[in-house]
Amino acid sequence: MKKFKIKTGDLVRVISGEHKNEEGKILSVDFSKDKVIVEGVNLVSKHTKPSTKSPQGGIIKKEAPIHVSNVALIDAETKKTTRVGFRVEGDKKVRFSKRSNQLI
C-alpha cells in the first residue's frame, strides 16, 4: 500500500497548477490514484437531475481531486509550507515539521 506524508484533516497549500497558493483542509485521500480532495480548492460545476433528495436539481459546486505532488503541508507555527519527517519517540512513530522541528 502507498504511503503519503499528509493525512485527512491536514492544512495544505497548493504549490503548482491553476489553483496555486490556495489553502484548505484535506477532506479525503485516494491512494490508488495518488490524489487528494482539498476543501474549497479546484471547484467544478456538477449538473444534477431532479430527484427525491433534491427536487429542484440544478448546478452544484463540488471539489475535484488534485494530485498529491501539487500540495504541501503548512507548518502551524510559521504558516509556511514544510516537508514532513518521521521519527520514533518512545514506542510511537510520529510526524514532525522539518522547518520548525515541531510535532504535527
N, C-alpha and C. Protein backbone atom coordinates (compact mmCIF):
# COMPACT_ATOMS: atom_id res chain seq x y z
N MET A 1 0.83 -1.18 0.00
CA MET A 1 0.00 0.00 0.00
C MET A 1 0.88 1.25 0.00
N LYS A 2 0.45 2.26 -0.74
CA LYS A 2 1.20 3.51 -0.81
C LYS A 2 1.07 4.27 0.50
N LYS A 3 2.10 5.06 0.78
CA LYS A 3 2.07 5.89 1.98
C LYS A 3 2.35 7.32 1.58
N PHE A 4 1.54 8.23 2.10
CA PHE A 4 1.75 9.65 1.88
C PHE A 4 2.12 10.29 3.21
N LYS A 5 2.79 11.42 3.14
CA LYS A 5 3.18 12.11 4.36
C LYS A 5 2.12 13.08 4.83
N ILE A 6 1.00 13.17 4.11
CA ILE A 6 -0.11 14.02 4.53
C ILE A 6 -1.32 13.14 4.78
N LYS A 7 -2.19 13.61 5.68
CA LYS A 7 -3.37 12.84 6.08
C LYS A 7 -4.62 13.69 5.97
N THR A 8 -5.77 13.05 6.07
CA THR A 8 -7.03 13.75 6.10
C THR A 8 -7.06 14.69 7.31
N GLY A 9 -7.48 15.93 7.08
CA GLY A 9 -7.54 16.92 8.15
C GLY A 9 -6.35 17.86 8.19
N ASP A 10 -5.28 17.56 7.46
CA ASP A 10 -4.11 18.44 7.44
C ASP A 10 -4.41 19.71 6.65
N LEU A 11 -3.80 20.82 7.06
CA LEU A 11 -3.92 22.08 6.34
C LEU A 11 -2.80 22.13 5.30
N VAL A 12 -3.17 22.30 4.03
CA VAL A 12 -2.19 22.27 2.94
C VAL A 12 -2.34 23.49 2.05
N ARG A 13 -1.29 23.75 1.27
CA ARG A 13 -1.30 24.82 0.26
C ARG A 13 -0.98 24.18 -1.09
N VAL A 14 -1.70 24.61 -2.13
CA VAL A 14 -1.43 24.13 -3.48
C VAL A 14 -0.18 24.85 -3.96
N ILE A 15 0.82 24.09 -4.44
CA ILE A 15 2.10 24.69 -4.81
C ILE A 15 2.30 24.79 -6.31
N SER A 16 1.40 24.20 -7.11
CA SER A 16 1.53 24.34 -8.56
C SER A 16 0.18 24.12 -9.21
N GLY A 17 0.06 24.61 -10.44
CA GLY A 17 -1.17 24.43 -11.18
C GLY A 17 -2.04 25.66 -11.15
N GLU A 18 -3.27 25.49 -11.64
CA GLU A 18 -4.21 26.60 -11.78
C GLU A 18 -4.59 27.23 -10.44
N HIS A 19 -4.58 26.44 -9.38
CA HIS A 19 -5.02 26.92 -8.07
C HIS A 19 -3.85 27.17 -7.12
N LYS A 20 -2.71 27.57 -7.68
CA LYS A 20 -1.50 27.80 -6.88
C LYS A 20 -1.75 28.83 -5.78
N ASN A 21 -1.17 28.59 -4.61
CA ASN A 21 -1.23 29.44 -3.41
C ASN A 21 -2.58 29.41 -2.70
N GLU A 22 -3.51 28.58 -3.11
CA GLU A 22 -4.77 28.44 -2.36
C GLU A 22 -4.55 27.44 -1.23
N GLU A 23 -5.23 27.67 -0.10
CA GLU A 23 -5.08 26.82 1.07
C GLU A 23 -6.40 26.18 1.43
N GLY A 24 -6.32 25.03 2.07
CA GLY A 24 -7.51 24.35 2.53
C GLY A 24 -7.16 23.10 3.31
N LYS A 25 -8.18 22.48 3.87
CA LYS A 25 -8.03 21.27 4.67
C LYS A 25 -8.29 20.06 3.78
N ILE A 26 -7.53 19.00 3.96
CA ILE A 26 -7.72 17.80 3.16
C ILE A 26 -8.98 17.08 3.64
N LEU A 27 -9.90 16.85 2.69
CA LEU A 27 -11.15 16.15 3.02
C LEU A 27 -11.02 14.65 2.84
N SER A 28 -10.29 14.22 1.80
CA SER A 28 -10.09 12.78 1.59
C SER A 28 -8.83 12.54 0.77
N VAL A 29 -8.32 11.30 0.88
CA VAL A 29 -7.12 10.89 0.17
C VAL A 29 -7.45 9.63 -0.62
N ASP A 30 -7.11 9.62 -1.93
CA ASP A 30 -7.31 8.44 -2.78
C ASP A 30 -5.94 7.85 -3.08
N PHE A 31 -5.59 6.78 -2.37
CA PHE A 31 -4.27 6.18 -2.50
C PHE A 31 -4.06 5.52 -3.86
N SER A 32 -5.12 4.97 -4.45
CA SER A 32 -4.97 4.27 -5.72
C SER A 32 -4.67 5.21 -6.87
N LYS A 33 -5.13 6.46 -6.80
CA LYS A 33 -4.92 7.41 -7.88
C LYS A 33 -3.93 8.53 -7.51
N ASP A 34 -3.35 8.47 -6.31
CA ASP A 34 -2.41 9.49 -5.82
C ASP A 34 -3.03 10.88 -5.81
N LYS A 35 -4.28 10.99 -5.40
CA LYS A 35 -4.98 12.28 -5.41
C LYS A 35 -5.57 12.59 -4.05
N VAL A 36 -5.74 13.89 -3.80
CA VAL A 36 -6.38 14.36 -2.57
C VAL A 36 -7.46 15.36 -2.94
N ILE A 37 -8.48 15.47 -2.09
CA ILE A 37 -9.52 16.48 -2.26
C ILE A 37 -9.32 17.52 -1.16
N VAL A 38 -9.12 18.78 -1.59
CA VAL A 38 -8.85 19.87 -0.66
C VAL A 38 -10.08 20.77 -0.60
N GLU A 39 -10.50 21.11 0.62
CA GLU A 39 -11.70 21.91 0.85
C GLU A 39 -11.58 23.29 0.21
N GLY A 40 -12.53 23.63 -0.67
CA GLY A 40 -12.58 24.94 -1.29
C GLY A 40 -11.62 25.17 -2.43
N VAL A 41 -10.92 24.14 -2.88
CA VAL A 41 -9.94 24.27 -3.95
C VAL A 41 -10.34 23.37 -5.12
N ASN A 42 -10.12 23.84 -6.35
CA ASN A 42 -10.43 23.09 -7.57
C ASN A 42 -11.92 22.77 -7.66
N LEU A 43 -12.75 23.79 -7.50
CA LEU A 43 -14.20 23.61 -7.57
C LEU A 43 -14.64 23.42 -9.02
N VAL A 44 -15.52 22.44 -9.25
CA VAL A 44 -16.10 22.20 -10.56
C VAL A 44 -17.61 22.26 -10.43
N SER A 45 -18.30 22.56 -11.54
CA SER A 45 -19.76 22.61 -11.55
C SER A 45 -20.30 21.26 -11.96
N LYS A 46 -21.18 20.70 -11.16
CA LYS A 46 -21.78 19.40 -11.46
C LYS A 46 -23.28 19.60 -11.66
N HIS A 47 -23.78 19.17 -12.81
CA HIS A 47 -25.20 19.30 -13.11
C HIS A 47 -25.94 18.09 -12.55
N THR A 48 -27.02 18.34 -11.80
CA THR A 48 -27.78 17.25 -11.19
C THR A 48 -29.23 17.27 -11.67
N LYS A 49 -29.76 16.08 -11.88
CA LYS A 49 -31.17 15.94 -12.25
C LYS A 49 -32.04 16.08 -11.01
N PRO A 50 -33.27 16.48 -11.19
CA PRO A 50 -34.18 16.49 -10.03
C PRO A 50 -34.40 15.06 -9.51
N SER A 51 -34.39 14.93 -8.19
CA SER A 51 -34.63 13.63 -7.56
C SER A 51 -35.37 13.88 -6.25
N THR A 52 -35.65 12.81 -5.53
CA THR A 52 -36.34 12.97 -4.25
C THR A 52 -35.43 13.69 -3.24
N LYS A 53 -34.13 13.48 -3.36
CA LYS A 53 -33.20 14.12 -2.45
C LYS A 53 -33.09 15.63 -2.73
N SER A 54 -33.01 15.99 -4.01
CA SER A 54 -33.00 17.40 -4.40
C SER A 54 -34.04 17.60 -5.50
N PRO A 55 -35.28 17.95 -5.13
CA PRO A 55 -36.35 18.03 -6.12
C PRO A 55 -36.15 19.12 -7.16
N GLN A 56 -35.34 20.13 -6.85
CA GLN A 56 -35.11 21.21 -7.78
C GLN A 56 -34.07 20.85 -8.84
N GLY A 57 -33.08 20.03 -8.47
CA GLY A 57 -31.97 19.75 -9.37
C GLY A 57 -31.08 20.97 -9.46
N GLY A 58 -30.33 21.12 -10.55
CA GLY A 58 -29.54 22.32 -10.75
C GLY A 58 -28.06 22.06 -10.82
N ILE A 59 -27.29 23.10 -10.59
CA ILE A 59 -25.84 23.03 -10.68
C ILE A 59 -25.24 23.13 -9.28
N ILE A 60 -24.36 22.19 -8.96
CA ILE A 60 -23.73 22.13 -7.64
C ILE A 60 -22.23 22.33 -7.81
N LYS A 61 -21.63 23.17 -6.97
CA LYS A 61 -20.17 23.33 -6.95
C LYS A 61 -19.59 22.26 -6.04
N LYS A 62 -18.58 21.54 -6.54
CA LYS A 62 -18.00 20.42 -5.81
C LYS A 62 -16.49 20.41 -6.01
N GLU A 63 -15.74 19.97 -4.98
CA GLU A 63 -14.29 19.90 -5.09
C GLU A 63 -13.88 18.71 -5.94
N ALA A 64 -12.92 18.91 -6.83
CA ALA A 64 -12.36 17.84 -7.65
C ALA A 64 -10.98 17.47 -7.09
N PRO A 65 -10.52 16.25 -7.35
CA PRO A 65 -9.23 15.83 -6.80
C PRO A 65 -8.04 16.57 -7.43
N ILE A 66 -6.97 16.69 -6.64
CA ILE A 66 -5.70 17.27 -7.06
C ILE A 66 -4.62 16.23 -6.78
N HIS A 67 -3.62 16.17 -7.66
CA HIS A 67 -2.53 15.21 -7.43
C HIS A 67 -1.78 15.57 -6.16
N VAL A 68 -1.36 14.56 -5.42
CA VAL A 68 -0.74 14.75 -4.11
C VAL A 68 0.59 15.51 -4.22
N SER A 69 1.25 15.44 -5.36
CA SER A 69 2.52 16.16 -5.52
C SER A 69 2.33 17.66 -5.66
N ASN A 70 1.11 18.11 -5.90
CA ASN A 70 0.84 19.54 -6.08
C ASN A 70 0.43 20.24 -4.79
N VAL A 71 0.46 19.54 -3.66
CA VAL A 71 0.12 20.16 -2.38
C VAL A 71 1.27 19.98 -1.40
N ALA A 72 1.41 20.96 -0.49
CA ALA A 72 2.43 20.89 0.55
C ALA A 72 1.80 21.24 1.90
N LEU A 73 2.24 20.57 2.91
CA LEU A 73 1.73 20.78 4.26
C LEU A 73 2.14 22.16 4.77
N ILE A 74 1.25 22.82 5.51
CA ILE A 74 1.55 24.12 6.10
C ILE A 74 1.94 23.91 7.56
N ASP A 75 3.07 24.49 7.93
CA ASP A 75 3.56 24.42 9.30
C ASP A 75 2.68 25.30 10.18
N ALA A 76 2.16 24.77 11.27
CA ALA A 76 1.26 25.51 12.15
C ALA A 76 1.96 26.68 12.83
N GLU A 77 3.24 26.55 13.08
CA GLU A 77 3.97 27.60 13.81
C GLU A 77 4.37 28.76 12.90
N THR A 78 4.94 28.46 11.73
CA THR A 78 5.46 29.52 10.86
C THR A 78 4.49 29.92 9.76
N LYS A 79 3.44 29.17 9.53
CA LYS A 79 2.44 29.41 8.48
C LYS A 79 3.05 29.35 7.07
N LYS A 80 4.18 28.63 6.94
CA LYS A 80 4.80 28.42 5.64
C LYS A 80 4.76 26.93 5.32
N THR A 81 4.98 26.61 4.04
CA THR A 81 4.98 25.19 3.67
C THR A 81 6.21 24.52 4.25
N THR A 82 6.07 23.23 4.52
CA THR A 82 7.15 22.48 5.13
C THR A 82 7.16 21.06 4.59
N ARG A 83 8.30 20.42 4.74
CA ARG A 83 8.38 19.00 4.44
C ARG A 83 8.11 18.23 5.73
N VAL A 84 7.77 16.96 5.58
CA VAL A 84 7.39 16.15 6.72
C VAL A 84 8.44 15.07 6.94
N GLY A 85 8.82 14.89 8.20
CA GLY A 85 9.74 13.82 8.56
C GLY A 85 9.09 12.91 9.57
N PHE A 86 9.68 11.74 9.75
CA PHE A 86 9.19 10.78 10.73
C PHE A 86 10.32 10.46 11.70
N ARG A 87 9.95 10.25 12.97
CA ARG A 87 10.91 9.79 13.96
C ARG A 87 10.16 8.98 15.01
N VAL A 88 10.91 8.19 15.74
CA VAL A 88 10.31 7.35 16.77
C VAL A 88 10.57 8.00 18.12
N GLU A 89 9.48 8.27 18.84
CA GLU A 89 9.58 8.81 20.19
C GLU A 89 8.95 7.80 21.13
N GLY A 90 9.78 7.21 21.96
CA GLY A 90 9.29 6.14 22.82
C GLY A 90 9.02 4.91 21.98
N ASP A 91 7.76 4.51 21.92
CA ASP A 91 7.40 3.37 21.07
C ASP A 91 6.45 3.78 19.96
N LYS A 92 6.32 5.10 19.70
CA LYS A 92 5.42 5.60 18.66
C LYS A 92 6.19 6.29 17.55
N LYS A 93 5.73 6.09 16.32
CA LYS A 93 6.27 6.79 15.17
C LYS A 93 5.45 8.05 14.98
N VAL A 94 6.09 9.21 14.96
CA VAL A 94 5.38 10.49 14.88
C VAL A 94 5.88 11.29 13.69
N ARG A 95 5.02 12.19 13.18
CA ARG A 95 5.40 13.10 12.11
C ARG A 95 5.87 14.42 12.71
N PHE A 96 6.86 15.04 12.06
CA PHE A 96 7.32 16.34 12.51
C PHE A 96 7.61 17.23 11.33
N SER A 97 7.53 18.53 11.57
CA SER A 97 7.82 19.53 10.55
C SER A 97 9.32 19.72 10.45
N LYS A 98 9.85 19.61 9.24
CA LYS A 98 11.29 19.79 9.07
C LYS A 98 11.68 21.27 9.14
N ARG A 99 10.73 22.17 8.98
CA ARG A 99 11.04 23.60 9.06
C ARG A 99 11.20 24.04 10.51
N SER A 100 10.26 23.65 11.39
CA SER A 100 10.30 24.11 12.78
C SER A 100 10.65 23.01 13.77
N ASN A 101 10.78 21.78 13.28
CA ASN A 101 11.13 20.63 14.13
C ASN A 101 10.06 20.34 15.19
N GLN A 102 8.82 20.81 14.98
CA GLN A 102 7.72 20.57 15.91
C GLN A 102 6.88 19.38 15.45
N LEU A 103 6.25 18.70 16.38
CA LEU A 103 5.38 17.58 16.02
C LEU A 103 4.13 18.08 15.32
N ILE A 104 3.63 17.27 14.41
CA ILE A 104 2.42 17.64 13.67
C ILE A 104 1.24 16.93 14.30
